[in-house]
Protein backbone atom coordinates (compact mmCIF):
# COMPACT_ATOMS: atom_id res chain seq x y z
CA MET A 1 -4.51 15.94 -33.47
CA LYS A 2 -6.10 13.21 -31.32
CA LYS A 3 -2.71 12.27 -29.86
CA ILE A 4 -2.02 15.88 -28.88
CA THR A 5 -5.51 16.19 -27.35
CA PHE A 6 -4.99 13.02 -25.32
CA LEU A 7 -1.59 14.26 -24.14
CA LEU A 8 -2.95 17.65 -23.06
CA TYR A 9 -5.90 15.96 -21.34
CA ALA A 10 -3.56 13.70 -19.37
CA ILE A 11 -1.35 16.63 -18.35
CA VAL A 12 -4.36 18.64 -17.14
CA ALA A 13 -5.69 15.63 -15.22
CA TYR A 14 -2.27 15.16 -13.61
CA LEU A 15 -1.95 18.82 -12.64
CA ILE A 16 -5.40 18.70 -11.04
CA PHE A 17 -4.31 15.62 -9.10
CA LEU A 18 -1.10 17.35 -8.01
CA GLY A 19 -3.01 20.37 -6.74
CA THR A 20 -5.50 18.11 -4.97
CA PHE A 21 -2.73 16.12 -3.29
CA CYS A 22 -1.07 19.30 -2.04
CA TYR A 23 -4.40 20.61 -0.75
CA ALA A 24 -4.99 17.28 1.02
CA ILE A 25 -1.82 17.80 3.03
CA GLY A 26 -3.06 21.18 4.20
CA PHE A 27 -6.61 19.89 4.71
CA VAL A 28 -5.59 17.05 7.03
CA ASN A 29 -3.04 19.10 8.97
CA SER A 30 -5.08 22.33 9.04
CA LEU A 31 -2.24 24.19 7.35
CA PHE A 32 -2.29 27.00 4.76
CA VAL A 33 -5.71 26.21 3.21
CA PRO A 34 -8.94 28.22 3.46
CA LYS A 35 -11.03 25.24 4.56
CA HIS A 36 -9.62 22.29 6.46
CA ILE A 37 -10.73 19.28 8.44
CA ASP A 38 -11.24 21.34 11.61
CA SER A 39 -12.77 24.54 10.29
CA PRO A 40 -15.61 25.95 12.46
CA PRO A 41 -18.74 23.71 12.48
CA THR A 42 -21.77 24.97 10.56
CA LEU A 43 -24.27 22.06 10.74
CA ASP A 44 -25.88 19.97 13.46
CA LEU A 45 -23.82 16.92 14.43
CA SER A 46 -26.15 14.31 12.92
CA LEU A 47 -26.43 16.11 9.59
CA ALA A 48 -22.70 16.82 9.49
CA LEU A 49 -21.92 13.12 10.07
CA LEU A 50 -24.34 12.17 7.29
CA VAL A 51 -22.76 14.60 4.83
CA ASN A 52 -19.22 13.49 5.67
CA ALA A 53 -20.11 9.81 5.42
CA GLY A 54 -21.68 10.45 2.02
CA LEU A 55 -18.61 12.30 0.74
CA LEU A 56 -16.23 9.58 1.92
CA THR A 57 -18.47 6.84 0.51
CA LEU A 58 -18.62 8.57 -2.87
CA PHE A 59 -14.83 8.69 -3.04
CA ALA A 60 -14.48 5.07 -1.85
CA LEU A 61 -16.96 3.75 -4.42
CA GLN A 62 -15.44 5.70 -7.30
CA HIS A 63 -11.89 4.82 -6.31
CA SER A 64 -12.57 1.09 -5.90
CA ILE A 65 -15.17 0.31 -8.56
CA MET A 66 -13.35 2.12 -11.36
CA ALA A 67 -10.10 0.33 -10.45
CA ARG A 68 -11.53 -3.15 -10.98
CA PRO A 69 -10.51 -4.94 -14.22
CA ALA A 70 -14.12 -5.82 -15.09
CA PHE A 71 -15.14 -2.16 -14.90
CA LYS A 72 -12.12 -1.10 -16.96
CA GLN A 73 -13.04 -3.62 -19.66
CA TRP A 74 -16.54 -2.13 -19.86
CA TRP A 75 -15.39 1.49 -19.39
CA THR A 76 -12.91 1.40 -22.28
CA LYS A 77 -15.80 0.81 -24.68
CA PHE A 78 -16.59 4.49 -24.14
CA VAL A 79 -13.28 5.99 -22.99
CA PRO A 80 -10.20 5.48 -25.22
CA GLU A 81 -7.65 3.19 -23.54
CA PRO A 82 -4.76 5.70 -23.63
CA ILE A 83 -6.69 8.13 -21.40
CA GLU A 84 -8.54 5.59 -19.26
CA ARG A 85 -6.12 5.96 -16.36
CA SER A 86 -6.03 9.74 -16.66
CA THR A 87 -9.83 9.80 -16.54
CA TYR A 88 -9.76 7.66 -13.41
CA VAL A 89 -7.24 10.04 -11.82
CA LEU A 90 -9.32 13.07 -12.82
CA LEU A 91 -12.54 11.66 -11.36
CA SER A 92 -10.74 10.67 -8.14
CA SER A 93 -9.43 14.21 -7.84
CA LEU A 94 -12.89 15.68 -8.44
CA CYS A 95 -14.33 13.45 -5.70
CA LEU A 96 -11.66 14.73 -3.33
CA ILE A 97 -12.35 18.33 -4.32
CA LEU A 98 -16.02 17.73 -3.47
CA LEU A 99 -14.95 16.28 -0.13
CA PHE A 100 -12.73 19.26 0.67
CA SER A 101 -15.43 21.73 -0.41
CA TYR A 102 -18.37 20.21 1.46
CA TRP A 103 -16.66 18.58 4.43
CA GLN A 104 -18.46 19.41 7.68
CA PRO A 105 -16.32 19.93 10.81
CA LEU A 106 -17.84 18.44 13.95
CA GLY A 107 -16.18 20.20 16.88
CA GLY A 108 -15.12 18.40 20.03
CA VAL A 109 -11.58 17.38 20.96
CA ILE A 110 -10.56 13.76 21.59
CA TRP A 111 -6.98 14.60 22.49
CA GLN A 112 -4.76 17.64 22.30
CA VAL A 113 -1.00 17.87 22.71
CA GLU A 114 0.05 21.09 24.39
CA SER A 115 3.84 20.95 24.03
CA ASP A 116 4.99 22.91 20.98
CA SER A 117 7.85 20.50 20.31
CA ALA A 118 5.53 17.48 20.52
CA ARG A 119 2.98 19.18 18.27
CA ASN A 120 5.64 19.95 15.69
CA LEU A 121 6.88 16.37 15.90
CA LEU A 122 3.41 14.95 15.23
CA ILE A 123 2.87 17.30 12.30
CA SER A 124 6.27 16.26 10.95
CA ILE A 125 5.29 12.59 11.26
CA SER A 126 2.09 13.31 9.33
CA LEU A 127 4.06 15.06 6.59
CA PHE A 128 6.47 12.12 6.59
CA GLY A 129 3.48 9.86 5.94
CA PHE A 130 2.52 11.92 2.90
CA GLY A 131 6.18 11.68 1.84
CA ILE A 132 6.00 7.88 2.00
CA VAL A 133 2.94 8.03 -0.26
CA LEU A 134 4.70 10.17 -2.84
CA VAL A 135 7.95 8.18 -2.82
CA SER A 136 6.00 4.92 -3.12
CA THR A 137 4.34 6.12 -6.32
CA PHE A 138 7.74 6.74 -7.90
CA LEU A 139 9.01 3.33 -6.78
CA ILE A 140 6.31 1.56 -8.80
CA ASN A 141 6.33 4.14 -11.65
CA HIS A 142 4.63 7.40 -10.76
CA PHE A 143 3.82 8.32 -14.36
CA ASP A 144 2.14 5.00 -15.12
CA LEU A 145 0.09 5.21 -11.93
CA PHE A 146 -1.26 8.63 -12.92
CA GLY A 147 -1.80 7.96 -16.61
CA LEU A 148 1.02 9.98 -18.18
CA ARG A 149 3.06 6.99 -19.35
CA GLN A 150 0.09 5.49 -21.19
CA VAL A 151 -0.61 8.70 -23.08
CA TRP A 152 3.06 9.38 -23.82
CA LEU A 153 3.49 5.91 -25.34
CA HIS A 154 0.38 6.48 -27.45
CA PHE A 155 1.70 9.89 -28.50
CA SER A 156 5.05 8.30 -29.45
CA GLY A 157 3.35 5.55 -31.46
CA LYS A 158 4.50 2.82 -29.10
CA LYS A 159 2.48 -0.05 -27.67
CA TYR A 160 1.67 0.07 -23.99
CA GLU A 161 3.41 -2.64 -21.97
CA PRO A 162 2.16 -3.35 -18.42
CA LEU A 163 4.65 -2.89 -15.64
CA ILE A 164 6.56 -5.96 -14.50
CA PHE A 165 6.26 -7.21 -10.94
CA ARG A 166 8.91 -5.65 -8.66
CA THR A 167 9.33 -5.01 -4.94
CA PRO A 168 11.66 -1.99 -4.65
CA PHE A 169 12.65 -0.34 -1.35
CA PHE A 170 9.49 0.11 0.78
CA TYR A 171 7.83 -2.79 -1.03
CA LYS A 172 10.40 -5.20 0.36
CA TYR A 173 9.14 -4.51 3.87
CA VAL A 174 5.41 -3.95 3.39
CA ARG A 175 3.03 -4.79 0.56
CA HIS A 176 1.10 -1.52 0.69
CA PRO A 177 3.38 1.38 1.62
CA LEU A 178 0.98 3.82 -0.04
CA TYR A 179 -1.74 2.92 2.43
CA LEU A 180 0.74 2.83 5.30
CA GLY A 181 1.80 6.38 4.42
CA PHE A 182 -1.78 7.60 4.37
CA MET A 183 -2.53 5.97 7.72
CA ILE A 184 0.49 7.64 9.30
CA ALA A 185 -0.53 10.97 7.75
CA PHE A 186 -4.13 10.73 8.97
CA TRP A 187 -3.51 9.48 12.53
CA ALA A 188 -0.43 11.53 13.50
CA THR A 189 -2.02 14.76 14.70
CA PRO A 190 -1.46 16.93 17.76
CA THR A 191 -5.17 17.76 17.95
CA MET A 192 -7.54 14.88 17.32
CA THR A 193 -11.00 16.37 16.91
CA ALA A 194 -14.20 14.40 16.40
CA ALA A 195 -14.12 15.28 12.68
CA HIS A 196 -10.50 14.18 12.30
CA LEU A 197 -11.18 10.94 14.18
CA PHE A 198 -14.20 10.20 11.99
CA PHE A 199 -12.11 10.88 8.89
CA ALA A 200 -9.22 8.70 10.10
CA ILE A 201 -11.47 5.77 11.07
CA MET A 202 -13.47 5.85 7.85
CA THR A 203 -10.45 6.15 5.56
CA THR A 204 -8.54 3.44 7.44
CA ALA A 205 -11.51 1.08 7.19
CA TYR A 206 -11.74 1.85 3.48
CA MET A 207 -8.04 1.15 2.93
CA PHE A 208 -8.17 -2.23 4.64
CA THR A 209 -11.24 -3.11 2.56
CA ALA A 210 -9.64 -1.89 -0.67
CA ILE A 211 -6.56 -4.02 -0.02
CA GLN A 212 -8.67 -7.18 -0.16
CA PHE A 213 -10.00 -6.31 -3.63
CA GLU A 214 -6.62 -5.10 -4.90
CA GLU A 215 -4.78 -8.20 -3.78
CA ARG A 216 -7.40 -10.44 -5.38
CA ASP A 217 -6.78 -8.65 -8.68
CA LEU A 218 -3.00 -8.79 -8.23
CA ILE A 219 -3.07 -12.54 -7.63
CA LYS A 220 -5.12 -13.00 -10.80
CA HIS A 221 -2.68 -10.84 -12.75
CA PHE A 222 0.68 -12.00 -11.38
CA GLY A 223 -0.28 -15.48 -10.14
CA PRO A 224 2.14 -17.43 -7.91
CA LYS A 225 4.66 -14.59 -7.93
CA TYR A 226 2.30 -12.34 -5.99
CA GLN A 227 1.16 -15.20 -3.76
CA ASP A 228 4.80 -15.79 -2.77
CA TYR A 229 5.22 -12.08 -2.16
CA LYS A 230 2.07 -12.00 -0.05
CA ARG A 231 3.48 -14.74 2.15
CA SER A 232 6.87 -13.06 2.47
CA ALA A 233 6.00 -9.41 3.17
CA PRO A 234 3.53 -8.04 5.73
CA MET A 235 0.49 -6.18 4.52
CA ILE A 236 0.80 -2.88 6.42
CA ILE A 237 3.04 -3.17 9.47
CA PRO A 238 6.72 -3.42 8.41
CA PHE A 239 9.47 -5.54 9.93
CA ILE A 240 7.25 -8.44 10.93
CA LYS A 241 9.52 -11.45 10.84
CA THR A 242 8.75 -14.31 8.51
CA ASN A 243 10.33 -17.67 7.94
CA ARG A 244 9.51 -17.69 4.25
CA LYS A 245 11.88 -16.56 1.53
CA ARG A 246 11.25 -13.03 0.29
CA VAL A 247 11.06 -12.39 -3.45
CA ASP A 248 12.99 -9.52 -5.07
């Protein structure tokens, strides 16, 4: 019964993530969702900035702190290991849902592209960025990243084995294609409002900060193999030439 409960829990957590990810695409691009990044302002500028900063900080703290090995070691004293990752995914999704629900548009336009073809191109580039994010998750094992593999192995009575170190496709050219995809998605917009700019700056700053913590953990976990990879592949900007041998 416990195995079935864990499996159902993981599936629900994943479906909530999937819905949240789809809503994020509409939220950032102001497409097909009831409330988006540039909905009409309702609060004074100073209060709106404070609310938005708080929402982004909440997500950043949850997303980073709960991902650290030391926290996981403590956290799994209370949360069963098979659903630890699913719980992390669920809480991340809930933080994003809070952000979407209480986000405060700011008004004001930084730039605006008038040409319909150019606007469509920029929206397409943003959607391409989200596509990079999604493809990147499958390259490193989408179902492990979102907790389904852990629960399925537990349900099947098999021991969980951590993923081996690999650098498939995008990962041969950049160490963090997930973050690259998000940056493309957030910055490629035909209408850059004050709210969108604030969102893009804050999330980009968070991603560069998160990379430092993630790579520290990866070096501890994979050792010299990741250090060699770090020297051979650029962090975010692809196709930077290097004289060092790249690992496969």
